[in-house]
Amino acid sequence: MPHCVIEYSTTLGRQLSPSALVMAVHQGALDSGLFEEADIKSRAIGYDYHHNGGSSRDFVHATLRILSGRTPEQKQALSAGVLDALAGLGLKDISLTVEVVDMERECYAKRLD
C-alpha cells in the first residue's frame, strides 16, 4: 500500500513526461516514512479533455488510497509531502491537488499469482 493514481491533463507533455509525475508522487509517498518502497504502486492516467474551474488550466490530481488505520496527522503529512513533491517539479500555470482516501482493511483483498 498505497495505490497512487495520478490524473493529469495531457497537455502537460509540453512541460514534462508522465513518468516524472509518477516518480514524484512515488517518492513523496516513500518519503512519508509510512510505506516500504516495494509496497507503493503508482500509475498515471492522462486526460485529453477537461474543464478546470472555468478554464483549461493544466492539472494534476493524485489520489493515494491507503489501508485504514493511519492517524489524521499521518494522512495530512502524506498529502502535504506528495503535494510538495509535485510542486518541486516546477510546473507553471497548473492546479495541483492531492487526496488521501482510506480503504477499509476488512474489505481489501489481494492476490499475487
C-alpha atoms as a PDB file:
ATOM      1  CA  MET A   1       0.000   0.000   0.000  1.00  0.00           C
ATOM      2  CA  PRO A   2      -0.665   2.734  -1.115  1.00  0.00           C
ATOM      3  CA  HIS A   3      -2.184   2.798  -4.585  1.00  0.00           C
ATOM      4  CA  CYS A   4      -1.213   6.170  -6.060  1.00  0.00           C
ATOM      5  CA  VAL A   5      -3.384   7.151  -9.025  1.00  0.00           C
ATOM      6  CA  ILE A   6      -2.293  10.328 -10.759  1.00  0.00           C
ATOM      7  CA  GLU A   7      -4.742  12.051 -13.074  1.00  0.00           C
ATOM      8  CA  TYR A   8      -3.324  14.800 -15.261  1.00  0.00           C
ATOM      9  CA  SER A   9      -4.017  16.905 -18.330  1.00  0.00           C
ATOM     10  CA  THR A  10      -2.141  15.503 -21.310  1.00  0.00           C
ATOM     11  CA  THR A  11      -1.127  18.993 -22.399  1.00  0.00           C
ATOM     12  CA  LEU A  12       1.403  18.807 -19.554  1.00  0.00           C
ATOM     13  CA  GLY A  13       3.542  16.874 -22.026  1.00  0.00           C
ATOM     14  CA  ARG A  14       4.932  20.229 -23.088  1.00  0.00           C
ATOM     15  CA  GLN A  15       6.479  20.608 -19.627  1.00  0.00           C
ATOM     16  CA  LEU A  16       7.357  17.056 -18.518  1.00  0.00           C
ATOM     17  CA  SER A  17       6.697  13.375 -19.042  1.00  0.00           C
ATOM     18  CA  PRO A  18       4.034  11.328 -17.218  1.00  0.00           C
ATOM     19  CA  SER A  19       6.827   9.181 -15.786  1.00  0.00           C
ATOM     20  CA  ALA A  20       8.159  12.270 -13.961  1.00  0.00           C
ATOM     21  CA  LEU A  21       4.740  12.686 -12.322  1.00  0.00           C
ATOM     22  CA  VAL A  22       4.687   9.029 -11.301  1.00  0.00           C
ATOM     23  CA  MET A  23       8.183   9.234  -9.827  1.00  0.00           C
ATOM     24  CA  ALA A  24       7.415  12.467  -7.928  1.00  0.00           C
ATOM     25  CA  VAL A  25       4.287  11.027  -6.303  1.00  0.00           C
ATOM     26  CA  HIS A  26       6.023   7.710  -5.644  1.00  0.00           C
ATOM     27  CA  GLN A  27       8.936   9.492  -3.941  1.00  0.00           C
ATOM     28  CA  GLY A  28       6.597  11.730  -1.928  1.00  0.00           C
ATOM     29  CA  ALA A  29       4.799   8.639  -0.615  1.00  0.00           C
ATOM     30  CA  LEU A  30       8.091   6.921   0.167  1.00  0.00           C
ATOM     31  CA  ASP A  31       9.473   9.996   1.951  1.00  0.00           C
ATOM     32  CA  SER A  32       6.459   9.952   4.286  1.00  0.00           C
ATOM     33  CA  GLY A  33       8.021   7.008   6.097  1.00  0.00           C
ATOM     34  CA  LEU A  34       4.637   5.267   6.200  1.00  0.00           C
ATOM     35  CA  PHE A  35       5.394   2.693   3.491  1.00  0.00           C
ATOM     36  CA  GLU A  36       8.113   0.416   2.175  1.00  0.00           C
ATOM     37  CA  GLU A  37       9.114   1.170  -1.410  1.00  0.00           C
ATOM     38  CA  ALA A  38       8.088  -2.277  -2.633  1.00  0.00           C
ATOM     39  CA  ASP A  39       4.544  -1.640  -1.364  1.00  0.00           C
ATOM     40  CA  ILE A  40       3.917   1.611  -3.253  1.00  0.00           C
ATOM     41  CA  LYS A  41       2.014   1.210  -6.513  1.00  0.00           C
ATOM     42  CA  SER A  42       1.892   4.302  -8.728  1.00  0.00           C
ATOM     43  CA  ARG A  43       0.237   4.892 -12.090  1.00  0.00           C
ATOM     44  CA  ALA A  44      -0.926   7.809 -14.204  1.00  0.00           C
ATOM     45  CA  ILE A  45      -3.982   8.466 -16.344  1.00  0.00           C
ATOM     46  CA  GLY A  46      -3.920  11.336 -18.829  1.00  0.00           C
ATOM     47  CA  TYR A  47      -6.990  13.292 -19.897  1.00  0.00           C
ATOM     48  CA  ASP A  48      -7.169  14.952 -23.288  1.00  0.00           C
ATOM     49  CA  TYR A  49     -10.335  16.876 -22.423  1.00  0.00           C
ATOM     50  CA  HIS A  50     -11.031  18.685 -19.194  1.00  0.00           C
ATOM     51  CA  HIS A  51     -12.594  21.839 -17.809  1.00  0.00           C
ATOM     52  CA  ASN A  52     -10.994  23.114 -14.644  1.00  0.00           C
ATOM     53  CA  GLY A  53     -12.809  25.812 -12.684  1.00  0.00           C
ATOM     54  CA  GLY A  54     -13.853  27.866 -15.691  1.00  0.00           C
ATOM     55  CA  SER A  55     -10.541  27.497 -17.507  1.00  0.00           C
ATOM     56  CA  SER A  56      -8.486  24.956 -19.391  1.00  0.00           C
ATOM     57  CA  ARG A  57      -5.589  25.289 -16.935  1.00  0.00           C
ATOM     58  CA  ASP A  58      -3.458  22.142 -16.683  1.00  0.00           C
ATOM     59  CA  PHE A  59      -3.969  19.965 -13.631  1.00  0.00           C
ATOM     60  CA  VAL A  60      -2.514  17.100 -11.645  1.00  0.00           C
ATOM     61  CA  HIS A  61      -4.650  15.299  -9.076  1.00  0.00           C
ATOM     62  CA  ALA A  62      -3.091  12.485  -7.051  1.00  0.00           C
ATOM     63  CA  THR A  63      -5.306  10.091  -5.123  1.00  0.00           C
ATOM     64  CA  LEU A  64      -3.497   7.942  -2.580  1.00  0.00           C
ATOM     65  CA  ARG A  65      -5.627   5.002  -1.493  1.00  0.00           C
ATOM     66  CA  ILE A  66      -4.236   3.622   1.755  1.00  0.00           C
ATOM     67  CA  LEU A  67      -5.336   0.935   4.184  1.00  0.00           C
ATOM     68  CA  SER A  68      -7.273   2.353   7.112  1.00  0.00           C
ATOM     69  CA  GLY A  69      -5.650   2.817  10.495  1.00  0.00           C
ATOM     70  CA  ARG A  70      -3.429   5.869   9.979  1.00  0.00           C
ATOM     71  CA  THR A  71      -3.946   8.959  12.102  1.00  0.00           C
ATOM     72  CA  PRO A  72      -5.287  12.188  10.609  1.00  0.00           C
ATOM     73  CA  GLU A  73      -1.857  13.724  11.226  1.00  0.00           C
ATOM     74  CA  GLN A  74      -0.126  10.951   9.269  1.00  0.00           C
ATOM     75  CA  LYS A  75      -2.554  11.351   6.377  1.00  0.00           C
ATOM     76  CA  GLN A  76      -2.156  15.125   6.421  1.00  0.00           C
ATOM     77  CA  ALA A  77       1.645  14.800   6.350  1.00  0.00           C
ATOM     78  CA  LEU A  78       1.402  12.296   3.478  1.00  0.00           C
ATOM     79  CA  SER A  79      -0.820  14.635   1.483  1.00  0.00           C
ATOM     80  CA  ALA A  80       1.462  17.619   2.127  1.00  0.00           C
ATOM     81  CA  GLY A  81       4.594  15.647   1.244  1.00  0.00           C
ATOM     82  CA  VAL A  82       3.193  14.447  -2.066  1.00  0.00           C
ATOM     83  CA  LEU A  83       1.958  17.954  -2.872  1.00  0.00           C
ATOM     84  CA  ASP A  84       5.453  19.313  -2.136  1.00  0.00           C
ATOM     85  CA  ALA A  85       6.982  16.663  -4.418  1.00  0.00           C
ATOM     86  CA  LEU A  86       4.648  17.699  -7.239  1.00  0.00           C
ATOM     87  CA  ALA A  87       5.327  21.391  -6.624  1.00  0.00           C
ATOM     88  CA  GLY A  88       9.046  20.604  -6.827  1.00  0.00           C
ATOM     89  CA  LEU A  89       8.621  19.698 -10.487  1.00  0.00           C
ATOM     90  CA  GLY A  90       8.422  23.427 -11.271  1.00  0.00           C
ATOM     91  CA  LEU A  91       5.229  23.276 -13.325  1.00  0.00           C
ATOM     92  CA  LYS A  92       3.681  26.631 -14.212  1.00  0.00           C
ATOM     93  CA  ASP A  93       0.041  27.731 -14.510  1.00  0.00           C
ATOM     94  CA  ILE A  94      -1.258  24.497 -13.010  1.00  0.00           C
ATOM     95  CA  SER A  95      -3.676  23.195 -10.387  1.00  0.00           C
ATOM     96  CA  LEU A  96      -2.063  20.617  -8.093  1.00  0.00           C
ATOM     97  CA  THR A  97      -4.235  18.594  -5.700  1.00  0.00           C
ATOM     98  CA  VAL A  98      -3.708  15.542  -3.505  1.00  0.00           C
ATOM     99  CA  GLU A  99      -6.313  13.390  -1.794  1.00  0.00           C
ATOM    100  CA  VAL A 100      -5.720  10.597   0.720  1.00  0.00           C
ATOM    101  CA  VAL A 101      -8.505   8.008   0.846  1.00  0.00           C
ATOM    102  CA  ASP A 102      -8.877   5.204   3.392  1.00  0.00           C
ATOM    103  CA  MET A 103      -9.587   1.684   2.171  1.00  0.00           C
ATOM    104  CA  GLU A 104     -11.200  -0.462   4.841  1.00  0.00           C
ATOM    105  CA  ARG A 105      -8.796  -3.263   5.773  1.00  0.00           C
ATOM    106  CA  GLU A 106     -11.652  -5.695   6.221  1.00  0.00           C
ATOM    107  CA  CYS A 107     -12.830  -5.149   2.635  1.00  0.00           C
ATOM    108  CA  TYR A 108      -9.473  -5.117   0.835  1.00  0.00           C
ATOM    109  CA  ALA A 109      -8.371  -8.273  -0.955  1.00  0.00           C
ATOM    110  CA  LYS A 110      -5.104  -9.001  -2.722  1.00  0.00           C
ATOM    111  CA  ARG A 111      -3.770 -11.949  -4.659  1.00  0.00           C
ATOM    112  CA  LEU A 112      -0.413 -12.380  -6.354  1.00  0.00           C
ATOM    113  CA  ASP A 113      -0.175 -15.225  -8.867  1.00  0.00           C
END
